[in-house]
Amino acid sequence: MSINKDNPPYTHNLGYLSKESGIYKDLSKEQKDLLDILEPLNIEARYPTHKDMLFKSLTEKKCQELIDKTRNFISWIEKKL
């Protein structure tokens, strides 16, 4: 993996950021799936019409699962650096 010293582009597209950083090729299927789940959560939470639907889909158990997976993913990234 190479580390890009440039500032990341201003985007919420996690797939794009992972490709630009050079880590995408090292991601497991589960990590790629996590990115696919997390990316729209940020965007949809910004729009009032989507908030109700988003809140209904995120149970406490689902949120805790996403937090745990995200923490593991962050640790994986930190080890790569």
Protein backbone atom coordinates (compact mmCIF):
# COMPACT_ATOMS: atom_id res chain seq x y z
CA MET A 1 0.00 0.00 0.00
CA SER A 2 1.23 3.49 -0.74
CA ILE A 3 0.36 6.52 1.31
CA ASN A 4 -0.79 9.57 -0.58
CA LYS A 5 0.54 12.74 1.08
CA ASP A 6 -1.99 14.99 -0.69
CA ASN A 7 -5.07 16.22 1.12
CA PRO A 8 -8.04 13.96 0.39
CA PRO A 9 -10.67 15.29 -2.00
CA TYR A 10 -13.76 16.85 -0.44
CA THR A 11 -16.25 14.01 -0.79
CA HIS A 12 -18.30 11.60 1.29
CA ASN A 13 -17.82 8.83 -1.25
CA LEU A 14 -16.00 6.23 0.85
CA GLY A 15 -15.37 3.91 -2.08
CA TYR A 16 -13.73 6.72 -4.03
CA LEU A 17 -11.63 7.77 -1.03
CA SER A 18 -10.47 4.19 -0.45
CA LYS A 19 -9.46 3.89 -4.11
CA GLU A 20 -7.66 7.24 -4.09
CA SER A 21 -5.79 6.26 -0.92
CA GLY A 22 -4.68 2.97 -2.42
CA ILE A 23 -6.32 0.72 0.18
CA TYR A 24 -9.32 -0.43 -1.85
CA LYS A 25 -7.43 -3.37 -3.35
CA ASP A 26 -6.59 -4.57 0.18
CA LEU A 27 -10.15 -4.42 1.51
CA SER A 28 -12.00 -7.62 2.26
CA LYS A 29 -15.52 -8.13 0.91
CA GLU A 30 -16.86 -7.41 4.40
CA GLN A 31 -14.96 -4.11 4.55
CA LYS A 32 -16.25 -3.09 1.12
CA ASP A 33 -19.77 -4.00 2.22
CA LEU A 34 -19.33 -1.84 5.33
CA LEU A 35 -18.35 1.13 3.18
CA ASP A 36 -21.45 0.55 1.06
CA ILE A 37 -23.60 0.63 4.22
CA LEU A 38 -21.93 3.65 5.85
CA GLU A 39 -21.74 5.94 2.84
CA PRO A 40 -25.47 6.58 2.34
CA LEU A 41 -26.05 6.97 6.10
CA ASN A 42 -24.10 10.22 6.09
CA ILE A 43 -25.86 11.60 3.03
CA GLU A 44 -29.38 10.51 3.97
CA ALA A 45 -29.07 11.89 7.50
CA ARG A 46 -28.65 15.38 6.01
CA TYR A 47 -32.08 15.44 4.37
CA PRO A 48 -35.22 15.72 6.52
CA THR A 49 -37.31 13.55 4.18
CA HIS A 50 -34.85 10.71 4.61
CA LYS A 51 -34.34 11.04 8.37
CA ASP A 52 -37.55 9.31 9.43
CA MET A 53 -36.92 6.37 7.14
CA LEU A 54 -33.30 6.21 8.29
CA PHE A 55 -34.22 6.30 11.98
CA LYS A 56 -36.73 3.48 11.51
CA SER A 57 -34.12 1.27 9.86
CA LEU A 58 -31.48 1.78 12.55
CA THR A 59 -32.25 -0.19 15.67
CA GLU A 60 -30.00 0.02 18.71
CA LYS A 61 -28.60 -3.42 17.84
CA LYS A 62 -27.90 -2.40 14.22
CA CYS A 63 -26.21 0.84 15.35
CA GLN A 64 -23.99 -1.01 17.81
CA GLU A 65 -23.04 -3.51 15.11
CA LEU A 66 -22.08 -0.67 12.74
CA ILE A 67 -20.07 1.06 15.48
CA ASP A 68 -18.18 -2.14 16.28
CA LYS A 69 -17.44 -2.87 12.62
CA THR A 70 -16.35 0.72 12.05
CA ARG A 71 -13.99 0.62 15.04
CA ASN A 72 -12.44 -2.60 13.74
CA PHE A 73 -12.09 -1.02 10.30
CA ILE A 74 -10.40 2.06 11.74
CA SER A 75 -7.95 -0.17 13.64
CA TRP A 76 -7.20 -2.06 10.43
CA ILE A 77 -6.50 1.21 8.60
CA GLU A 78 -4.26 2.47 11.41
CA LYS A 79 -2.19 -0.72 11.22
CA LYS A 80 -1.77 -0.21 7.48
CA LEU A 81 -0.30 3.24 8.10
